[in-house]
Amino acid sequence: MKRLLPALCAALLIASPLVQAERGLTISSGEMATPVLELFTAQGCSSCPPAERWLSALSEHPRLWHGLIPLAFHVDYWDRLGWPDPFANPGYSARQRAYARSGASRAVYTPGFILAGREWRGWFRGEALKLPSGAPVGTLTLHLDGARLRLSFRESTPAPAGLVAHVARLGFGLRSSVTRGENAGRTLEHDFVVLTLQQIDASAPHRWQTRLQADPRGERQALVAWLSTPGRPTPYQAVGAWLPGVSAGGL
């Protein structure tokens, strides 16, 4: 049995999208574009909790991170109803409006889903999530050493010019007791919440670097990075993984 253990460990490392080093971690995507599922939501929206519960269940999806990356963007345009969403950011509202301006979605609303850059209304019809087949675009690799973060991209086909990188820290197991607005009196639970979002310009062709913003919220956290073309929100390639050993007050 002991002789089989090294081989088993090696197989697990090959199968996993995350390899943890002594001082950090390295995450690499596959060559095919990884589908990103974005939920635009708000604590001030009474229709949003069911959509968020459905999104939370994706933490058990067999293709999580290496074949599906869910993100929950909390928008701020319902704060006027009397409850300021603690996870809302005007930049996330602007992201949803950018999808509408580009024709990727018909309107700005919550809960609203964007799958691989296009509006997805299957959740409202009770449809199973069908992941699109991504094109072979190239491999995105993220290196994290302490707070120092580096991204590199090896293209499979000629990539669009001026790719911009984005890095999001996600929080899980987040709870809020809402006292005003449409969800007054309810305790809401959230996963895949975008806590911080950093946009990074390239430091060299297909290379980006920055320091990762800290945010201690959440029982567990994950890290996601994606590339997009200038002025367009649609992810071109994406990569993500759990942050190992990160809990409240962690990395």
C-alpha atoms as a PDB file:
ATOM      1  CA  MET A   1       0.000   0.000   0.000  1.00  0.00           C
ATOM      2  CA  LYS A   2       2.851   2.396   0.848  1.00  0.00           C
ATOM      3  CA  ARG A   3       4.392   1.833  -2.575  1.00  0.00           C
ATOM      4  CA  LEU A   4       1.196   3.048  -4.253  1.00  0.00           C
ATOM      5  CA  LEU A   5       0.989   6.301  -2.267  1.00  0.00           C
ATOM      6  CA  PRO A   6       3.528   8.378  -4.273  1.00  0.00           C
ATOM      7  CA  ALA A   7       1.869   7.417  -7.551  1.00  0.00           C
ATOM      8  CA  LEU A   8      -1.550   8.255  -6.157  1.00  0.00           C
ATOM      9  CA  CYS A   9      -0.382  11.684  -4.965  1.00  0.00           C
ATOM     10  CA  ALA A  10       1.152  12.426  -8.355  1.00  0.00           C
ATOM     11  CA  ALA A  11      -2.104  11.488 -10.105  1.00  0.00           C
ATOM     12  CA  LEU A  12      -4.080  13.810  -7.851  1.00  0.00           C
ATOM     13  CA  LEU A  13      -1.741  16.708  -8.595  1.00  0.00           C
ATOM     14  CA  ILE A  14      -2.055  16.140 -12.333  1.00  0.00           C
ATOM     15  CA  ALA A  15      -5.863  15.999 -12.129  1.00  0.00           C
ATOM     16  CA  SER A  16      -6.172  19.137  -9.988  1.00  0.00           C
ATOM     17  CA  PRO A  17      -6.180  22.675 -11.438  1.00  0.00           C
ATOM     18  CA  LEU A  18      -4.209  23.846  -8.398  1.00  0.00           C
ATOM     19  CA  VAL A  19      -0.696  22.938  -7.349  1.00  0.00           C
ATOM     20  CA  GLN A  20       0.356  24.346  -3.986  1.00  0.00           C
ATOM     21  CA  ALA A  21       4.000  25.269  -3.593  1.00  0.00           C
ATOM     22  CA  GLU A  22       5.852  25.886  -0.334  1.00  0.00           C
ATOM     23  CA  ARG A  23       5.244  29.659  -0.323  1.00  0.00           C
ATOM     24  CA  GLY A  24       2.254  30.068  -2.602  1.00  0.00           C
ATOM     25  CA  LEU A  25       0.268  28.447  -5.344  1.00  0.00           C
ATOM     26  CA  THR A  26       0.156  28.067  -9.087  1.00  0.00           C
ATOM     27  CA  ILE A  27      -3.091  27.731 -11.060  1.00  0.00           C
ATOM     28  CA  SER A  28      -3.257  26.943 -14.777  1.00  0.00           C
ATOM     29  CA  SER A  29      -6.266  26.793 -17.054  1.00  0.00           C
ATOM     30  CA  GLY A  30      -6.648  24.364 -19.887  1.00  0.00           C
ATOM     31  CA  GLU A  31      -6.222  25.396 -23.509  1.00  0.00           C
ATOM     32  CA  MET A  32      -9.986  25.672 -24.128  1.00  0.00           C
ATOM     33  CA  ALA A  33     -11.728  28.831 -22.911  1.00  0.00           C
ATOM     34  CA  THR A  34     -13.158  28.188 -19.431  1.00  0.00           C
ATOM     35  CA  PRO A  35     -16.880  29.121 -19.169  1.00  0.00           C
ATOM     36  CA  VAL A  36     -17.552  31.867 -16.628  1.00  0.00           C
ATOM     37  CA  LEU A  37     -21.046  32.095 -15.102  1.00  0.00           C
ATOM     38  CA  GLU A  38     -21.793  35.546 -13.672  1.00  0.00           C
ATOM     39  CA  LEU A  39     -24.756  36.227 -11.393  1.00  0.00           C
ATOM     40  CA  PHE A  40     -25.743  39.839 -10.835  1.00  0.00           C
ATOM     41  CA  THR A  41     -27.582  39.982  -7.531  1.00  0.00           C
ATOM     42  CA  ALA A  42     -28.412  42.188  -4.548  1.00  0.00           C
ATOM     43  CA  GLN A  43     -29.533  41.815  -0.951  1.00  0.00           C
ATOM     44  CA  GLY A  44     -32.205  44.425  -1.664  1.00  0.00           C
ATOM     45  CA  CYS A  45     -33.869  42.184  -4.251  1.00  0.00           C
ATOM     46  CA  SER A  46     -36.492  39.722  -2.964  1.00  0.00           C
ATOM     47  CA  SER A  47     -36.126  37.544  -6.085  1.00  0.00           C
ATOM     48  CA  CYS A  48     -32.385  37.027  -5.610  1.00  0.00           C
ATOM     49  CA  PRO A  49     -32.066  34.567  -2.669  1.00  0.00           C
ATOM     50  CA  PRO A  50     -33.326  31.550  -4.692  1.00  0.00           C
ATOM     51  CA  ALA A  51     -30.830  32.306  -7.471  1.00  0.00           C
ATOM     52  CA  GLU A  52     -28.030  32.601  -4.940  1.00  0.00           C
ATOM     53  CA  ARG A  53     -28.949  29.277  -3.315  1.00  0.00           C
ATOM     54  CA  TRP A  54     -28.772  27.670  -6.749  1.00  0.00           C
ATOM     55  CA  LEU A  55     -25.380  29.274  -7.362  1.00  0.00           C
ATOM     56  CA  SER A  56     -24.106  28.080  -3.980  1.00  0.00           C
ATOM     57  CA  ALA A  57     -24.853  24.483  -4.991  1.00  0.00           C
ATOM     58  CA  LEU A  58     -22.309  24.832  -7.800  1.00  0.00           C
ATOM     59  CA  SER A  59     -19.560  24.556  -5.182  1.00  0.00           C
ATOM     60  CA  GLU A  60     -20.132  20.797  -5.587  1.00  0.00           C
ATOM     61  CA  HIS A  61     -20.111  20.857  -9.400  1.00  0.00           C
ATOM     62  CA  PRO A  62     -17.676  18.230 -10.758  1.00  0.00           C
ATOM     63  CA  ARG A  63     -16.127  20.743 -13.161  1.00  0.00           C
ATOM     64  CA  LEU A  64     -15.777  23.603 -10.702  1.00  0.00           C
ATOM     65  CA  TRP A  65     -12.752  25.822 -11.504  1.00  0.00           C
ATOM     66  CA  HIS A  66     -11.352  23.704 -14.358  1.00  0.00           C
ATOM     67  CA  GLY A  67     -14.550  23.687 -16.442  1.00  0.00           C
ATOM     68  CA  LEU A  68     -16.834  26.227 -14.748  1.00  0.00           C
ATOM     69  CA  ILE A  69     -16.120  29.431 -12.839  1.00  0.00           C
ATOM     70  CA  PRO A  70     -19.135  31.000 -11.037  1.00  0.00           C
ATOM     71  CA  LEU A  71     -19.023  34.620  -9.842  1.00  0.00           C
ATOM     72  CA  ALA A  72     -21.598  36.592  -7.819  1.00  0.00           C
ATOM     73  CA  PHE A  73     -21.458  40.332  -8.472  1.00  0.00           C
ATOM     74  CA  HIS A  74     -23.543  42.306  -5.971  1.00  0.00           C
ATOM     75  CA  VAL A  75     -24.889  45.460  -7.620  1.00  0.00           C
ATOM     76  CA  ASP A  76     -25.709  48.705  -5.845  1.00  0.00           C
ATOM     77  CA  TYR A  77     -28.727  50.017  -7.761  1.00  0.00           C
ATOM     78  CA  TRP A  78     -31.232  48.475  -5.311  1.00  0.00           C
ATOM     79  CA  ASP A  79     -29.598  50.085  -2.273  1.00  0.00           C
ATOM     80  CA  ARG A  80     -32.090  52.936  -2.696  1.00  0.00           C
ATOM     81  CA  LEU A  81     -34.875  50.619  -1.497  1.00  0.00           C
ATOM     82  CA  GLY A  82     -33.608  51.030   2.054  1.00  0.00           C
ATOM     83  CA  TRP A  83     -30.928  48.359   2.530  1.00  0.00           C
ATOM     84  CA  PRO A  84     -27.300  48.993   1.488  1.00  0.00           C
ATOM     85  CA  ASP A  85     -25.827  45.684   0.305  1.00  0.00           C
ATOM     86  CA  PRO A  86     -22.458  45.277   2.108  1.00  0.00           C
ATOM     87  CA  PHE A  87     -21.014  43.434  -0.896  1.00  0.00           C
ATOM     88  CA  ALA A  88     -22.273  45.852  -3.554  1.00  0.00           C
ATOM     89  CA  ASN A  89     -19.938  47.861  -5.714  1.00  0.00           C
ATOM     90  CA  PRO A  90     -20.852  50.448  -8.374  1.00  0.00           C
ATOM     91  CA  GLY A  91     -18.214  48.893 -10.602  1.00  0.00           C
ATOM     92  CA  TYR A  92     -20.187  45.638 -10.628  1.00  0.00           C
ATOM     93  CA  SER A  93     -23.325  47.520 -11.680  1.00  0.00           C
ATOM     94  CA  ALA A  94     -21.284  49.156 -14.439  1.00  0.00           C
ATOM     95  CA  ARG A  95     -20.118  45.712 -15.565  1.00  0.00           C
ATOM     96  CA  GLN A  96     -23.711  44.537 -15.957  1.00  0.00           C
ATOM     97  CA  ARG A  97     -24.604  47.692 -17.876  1.00  0.00           C
ATOM     98  CA  ALA A  98     -21.637  47.084 -20.182  1.00  0.00           C
ATOM     99  CA  TYR A  99     -23.088  43.682 -21.082  1.00  0.00           C
ATOM    100  CA  ALA A 100     -26.411  45.359 -21.896  1.00  0.00           C
ATOM    101  CA  ARG A 101     -24.758  48.048 -24.029  1.00  0.00           C
ATOM    102  CA  SER A 102     -22.859  45.416 -26.000  1.00  0.00           C
ATOM    103  CA  GLY A 103     -26.086  43.515 -26.764  1.00  0.00           C
ATOM    104  CA  ALA A 104     -25.041  40.489 -24.698  1.00  0.00           C
ATOM    105  CA  SER A 105     -28.132  40.937 -22.500  1.00  0.00           C
ATOM    106  CA  ARG A 106     -31.490  42.544 -23.133  1.00  0.00           C
ATOM    107  CA  ALA A 107     -31.753  44.544 -19.913  1.00  0.00           C
ATOM    108  CA  VAL A 108     -30.205  45.301 -16.540  1.00  0.00           C
ATOM    109  CA  TYR A 109     -32.009  43.332 -13.811  1.00  0.00           C
ATOM    110  CA  THR A 110     -31.545  41.018 -10.852  1.00  0.00           C
ATOM    111  CA  PRO A 111     -31.145  38.157 -10.601  1.00  0.00           C
ATOM    112  CA  GLY A 112     -29.383  38.189 -13.947  1.00  0.00           C
ATOM    113  CA  PHE A 113     -27.089  35.512 -15.343  1.00  0.00           C
ATOM    114  CA  ILE A 114     -24.361  35.859 -17.954  1.00  0.00           C
ATOM    115  CA  LEU A 115     -22.802  32.615 -19.201  1.00  0.00           C
ATOM    116  CA  ALA A 116     -19.656  32.807 -21.326  1.00  0.00           C
ATOM    117  CA  GLY A 117     -20.437  36.425 -22.152  1.00  0.00           C
ATOM    118  CA  ARG A 118     -24.101  35.971 -23.118  1.00  0.00           C
ATOM    119  CA  GLU A 119     -27.366  36.335 -21.200  1.00  0.00           C
ATOM    120  CA  TRP A 120     -28.579  33.000 -19.818  1.00  0.00           C
ATOM    121  CA  ARG A 121     -32.221  32.669 -18.767  1.00  0.00           C
ATOM    122  CA  GLY A 122     -32.266  28.909 -18.291  1.00  0.00           C
ATOM    123  CA  TRP A 123     -32.404  29.277 -14.519  1.00  0.00           C
ATOM    124  CA  PHE A 124     -35.813  30.971 -14.738  1.00  0.00           C
ATOM    125  CA  ARG A 125     -37.138  28.019 -16.763  1.00  0.00           C
ATOM    126  CA  GLY A 126     -35.679  25.428 -14.416  1.00  0.00           C
ATOM    127  CA  GLU A 127     -33.245  24.176 -17.032  1.00  0.00           C
ATOM    128  CA  ALA A 128     -30.086  22.283 -16.153  1.00  0.00           C
ATOM    129  CA  LEU A 129     -26.881  24.235 -16.645  1.00  0.00           C
ATOM    130  CA  LYS A 130     -25.374  23.273 -19.989  1.00  0.00           C
ATOM    131  CA  LEU A 131     -21.790  24.409 -20.285  1.00  0.00           C
ATOM    132  CA  PRO A 132     -20.728  25.716 -23.687  1.00  0.00           C
ATOM    133  CA  SER A 133     -17.738  24.263 -25.470  1.00  0.00           C
ATOM    134  CA  GLY A 134     -14.966  26.820 -25.352  1.00  0.00           C
ATOM    135  CA  ALA A 135     -12.631  27.590 -28.227  1.00  0.00           C
ATOM    136  CA  PRO A 136      -8.930  26.700 -28.006  1.00  0.00           C
ATOM    137  CA  VAL A 137      -7.533  30.104 -27.015  1.00  0.00           C
ATOM    138  CA  GLY A 138      -4.534  29.309 -24.807  1.00  0.00           C
ATOM    139  CA  THR A 139      -3.380  28.679 -21.244  1.00  0.00           C
ATOM    140  CA  LEU A 140      -3.655  31.265 -18.476  1.00  0.00           C
ATOM    141  CA  THR A 141      -1.376  30.694 -15.475  1.00  0.00           C
ATOM    142  CA  LEU A 142      -1.537  32.460 -12.131  1.00  0.00           C
ATOM    143  CA  HIS A 143       1.316  32.471  -9.596  1.00  0.00           C
ATOM    144  CA  LEU A 144       0.708  33.688  -6.053  1.00  0.00           C
ATOM    145  CA  ASP A 145       3.657  34.136  -3.663  1.00  0.00           C
ATOM    146  CA  GLY A 146       2.453  35.791  -0.482  1.00  0.00           C
ATOM    147  CA  ALA A 147       0.594  38.849  -1.780  1.00  0.00           C
ATOM    148  CA  ARG A 148       2.620  39.029  -4.992  1.00  0.00           C
ATOM    149  CA  LEU A 149       0.514  37.906  -7.936  1.00  0.00           C
ATOM    150  CA  ARG A 150       1.723  37.211 -11.471  1.00  0.00           C
ATOM    151  CA  LEU A 151      -0.210  36.141 -14.568  1.00  0.00           C
ATOM    152  CA  SER A 152       1.057  34.789 -17.851  1.00  0.00           C
ATOM    153  CA  PHE A 153      -0.751  33.675 -20.988  1.00  0.00           C
ATOM    154  CA  ARG A 154       0.437  31.258 -23.666  1.00  0.00           C
ATOM    155  CA  GLU A 155      -1.815  31.663 -26.688  1.00  0.00           C
ATOM    156  CA  SER A 156      -2.916  28.761 -28.891  1.00  0.00           C
ATOM    157  CA  THR A 157      -4.337  31.020 -31.576  1.00  0.00           C
ATOM    158  CA  PRO A 158      -3.557  34.708 -32.200  1.00  0.00           C
ATOM    159  CA  ALA A 159      -5.028  36.591 -29.230  1.00  0.00           C
ATOM    160  CA  PRO A 160      -6.745  39.981 -29.409  1.00  0.00           C
ATOM    161  CA  ALA A 161      -4.455  42.947 -28.907  1.00  0.00           C
ATOM    162  CA  GLY A 162      -4.210  44.690 -25.542  1.00  0.00           C
ATOM    163  CA  LEU A 163      -5.637  41.961 -23.312  1.00  0.00           C
ATOM    164  CA  VAL A 164      -6.497  43.247 -19.836  1.00  0.00           C
ATOM    165  CA  ALA A 165      -6.270  41.028 -16.752  1.00  0.00           C
ATOM    166  CA  HIS A 166      -8.758  40.913 -13.866  1.00  0.00           C
ATOM    167  CA  VAL A 167      -8.274  39.220 -10.493  1.00  0.00           C
ATOM    168  CA  ALA A 168     -11.138  38.565  -8.071  1.00  0.00           C
ATOM    169  CA  ARG A 169     -11.088  37.304  -4.507  1.00  0.00           C
ATOM    170  CA  LEU A 170     -14.264  35.324  -3.741  1.00  0.00           C
ATOM    171  CA  GLY A 171     -15.887  34.804  -0.347  1.00  0.00           C
ATOM    172  CA  PHE A 172     -17.948  31.791   0.781  1.00  0.00           C
ATOM    173  CA  GLY A 173     -20.190  31.136   3.781  1.00  0.00           C
ATOM    174  CA  LEU A 174     -21.117  34.809   4.120  1.00  0.00           C
ATOM    175  CA  ARG A 175     -24.233  35.691   6.127  1.00  0.00           C
ATOM    176  CA  SER A 176     -26.167  38.922   6.578  1.00  0.00           C
ATOM    177  CA  SER A 177     -29.173  39.714   8.777  1.00  0.00           C
ATOM    178  CA  VAL A 178     -31.220  42.141   6.702  1.00  0.00           C
ATOM    179  CA  THR A 179     -33.307  44.659   8.644  1.00  0.00           C
ATOM    180  CA  ARG A 180     -34.744  46.857   5.864  1.00  0.00           C
ATOM    181  CA  GLY A 181     -35.830  46.638   2.256  1.00  0.00           C
ATOM    182  CA  GLU A 182     -37.516  43.777   0.392  1.00  0.00           C
ATOM    183  CA  ASN A 183     -35.669  41.095   2.396  1.00  0.00           C
ATOM    184  CA  ALA A 184     -36.233  42.656   5.824  1.00  0.00           C
ATOM    185  CA  GLY A 185     -36.223  40.104   8.628  1.00  0.00           C
ATOM    186  CA  ARG A 186     -34.305  37.483   6.640  1.00  0.00           C
ATOM    187  CA  THR A 187     -30.819  36.083   7.154  1.00  0.00           C
ATOM    188  CA  LEU A 188     -29.203  35.707   3.739  1.00  0.00           C
ATOM    189  CA  GLU A 189     -26.340  33.363   2.882  1.00  0.00           C
ATOM    190  CA  HIS A 190     -23.929  33.902   0.013  1.00  0.00           C
ATOM    191  CA  ASP A 191     -21.150  32.071  -1.827  1.00  0.00           C
ATOM    192  CA  PHE A 192     -18.924  32.957  -4.795  1.00  0.00           C
ATOM    193  CA  VAL A 193     -19.184  36.631  -3.730  1.00  0.00           C
ATOM    194  CA  VAL A 194     -16.724  38.913  -5.507  1.00  0.00           C
ATOM    195  CA  LEU A 195     -15.119  40.671  -2.542  1.00  0.00           C
ATOM    196  CA  THR A 196     -12.359  42.481  -4.418  1.00  0.00           C
ATOM    197  CA  LEU A 197     -11.792  42.998  -8.126  1.00  0.00           C
ATOM    198  CA  GLN A 198      -8.520  44.304  -9.551  1.00  0.00           C
ATOM    199  CA  GLN A 199      -7.876  45.280 -13.161  1.00  0.00           C
ATOM    200  CA  ILE A 200      -4.273  44.937 -14.301  1.00  0.00           C
ATOM    201  CA  ASP A 201      -2.603  46.277 -17.415  1.00  0.00           C
ATOM    202  CA  ALA A 202       0.135  44.181 -18.984  1.00  0.00           C
ATOM    203  CA  SER A 203       3.703  44.712 -17.752  1.00  0.00           C
ATOM    204  CA  ALA A 204       5.031  42.846 -20.807  1.00  0.00           C
ATOM    205  CA  PRO A 205       3.369  40.972 -23.694  1.00  0.00           C
ATOM    206  CA  HIS A 206       0.972  38.460 -22.122  1.00  0.00           C
ATOM    207  CA  ARG A 207       2.321  39.135 -18.609  1.00  0.00           C
ATOM    208  CA  TRP A 208       0.700  40.949 -15.686  1.00  0.00           C
ATOM    209  CA  GLN A 209       1.674  41.495 -12.062  1.00  0.00           C
ATOM    210  CA  THR A 210       0.265  43.202  -8.973  1.00  0.00           C
ATOM    211  CA  ARG A 211      -0.209  42.762  -5.233  1.00  0.00           C
ATOM    212  CA  LEU A 212      -3.361  40.911  -4.262  1.00  0.00           C
ATOM    213  CA  GLN A 213      -5.834  42.952  -2.265  1.00  0.00           C
ATOM    214  CA  ALA A 214      -6.698  41.572   1.156  1.00  0.00           C
ATOM    215  CA  ASP A 215     -10.239  40.961   2.410  1.00  0.00           C
ATOM    216  CA  PRO A 216     -10.831  38.700   5.434  1.00  0.00           C
ATOM    217  CA  ARG A 217     -14.544  38.065   4.893  1.00  0.00           C
ATOM    218  CA  GLY A 218     -15.853  34.537   4.404  1.00  0.00           C
ATOM    219  CA  GLU A 219     -15.436  31.103   5.934  1.00  0.00           C
ATOM    220  CA  ARG A 220     -13.548  30.069   2.810  1.00  0.00           C
ATOM    221  CA  GLN A 221     -12.098  31.930  -0.143  1.00  0.00           C
ATOM    222  CA  ALA A 222     -11.140  31.359  -3.767  1.00  0.00           C
ATOM    223  CA  LEU A 223      -9.125  33.236  -6.350  1.00  0.00           C
ATOM    224  CA  VAL A 224     -10.180  33.809  -9.969  1.00  0.00           C
ATOM    225  CA  ALA A 225      -8.403  35.579 -12.820  1.00  0.00           C
ATOM    226  CA  TRP A 226      -9.547  36.246 -16.365  1.00  0.00           C
ATOM    227  CA  LEU A 227      -8.494  38.142 -19.463  1.00  0.00           C
ATOM    228  CA  SER A 228     -10.687  40.393 -21.579  1.00  0.00           C
ATOM    229  CA  THR A 229     -10.293  42.707 -24.528  1.00  0.00           C
ATOM    230  CA  PRO A 230     -10.218  46.468 -23.830  1.00  0.00           C
ATOM    231  CA  GLY A 231     -13.683  47.932 -23.273  1.00  0.00           C
ATOM    232  CA  ARG A 232     -15.491  44.579 -23.249  1.00  0.00           C
ATOM    233  CA  PRO A 233     -16.515  42.624 -20.129  1.00  0.00           C
ATOM    234  CA  THR A 234     -16.606  39.137 -21.708  1.00  0.00           C
ATOM    235  CA  PRO A 235     -13.879  36.835 -20.321  1.00  0.00           C
ATOM    236  CA  TYR A 236     -11.502  35.569 -23.013  1.00  0.00           C
ATOM    237  CA  GLN A 237      -9.805  32.976 -20.803  1.00  0.00           C
ATOM    238  CA  ALA A 238     -10.186  32.343 -17.078  1.00  0.00           C
ATOM    239  CA  VAL A 239      -8.686  30.316 -14.265  1.00  0.00           C
ATOM    240  CA  GLY A 240      -9.675  29.774 -10.646  1.00  0.00           C
ATOM    241  CA  ALA A 241      -9.129  27.666  -7.542  1.00  0.00           C
ATOM    242  CA  TRP A 242      -9.700  27.531  -3.829  1.00  0.00           C
ATOM    243  CA  LEU A 243      -7.228  29.469  -1.725  1.00  0.00           C
ATOM    244  CA  PRO A 244      -5.828  26.692   0.464  1.00  0.00           C
ATOM    245  CA  GLY A 245      -6.115  27.228   4.186  1.00  0.00           C
ATOM    246  CA  VAL A 246      -7.796  30.622   3.822  1.00  0.00           C
ATOM    247  CA  SER A 247     -10.553  31.466   6.270  1.00  0.00           C
ATOM    248  CA  ALA A 248     -11.605  34.614   8.102  1.00  0.00           C
ATOM    249  CA  GLY A 249      -8.482  36.626   8.859  1.00  0.00           C
ATOM    250  CA  GLY A 250      -6.417  34.546   6.403  1.00  0.00           C
ATOM    251  CA  LEU A 251      -4.258  35.492   3.424  1.00  0.00           C
END
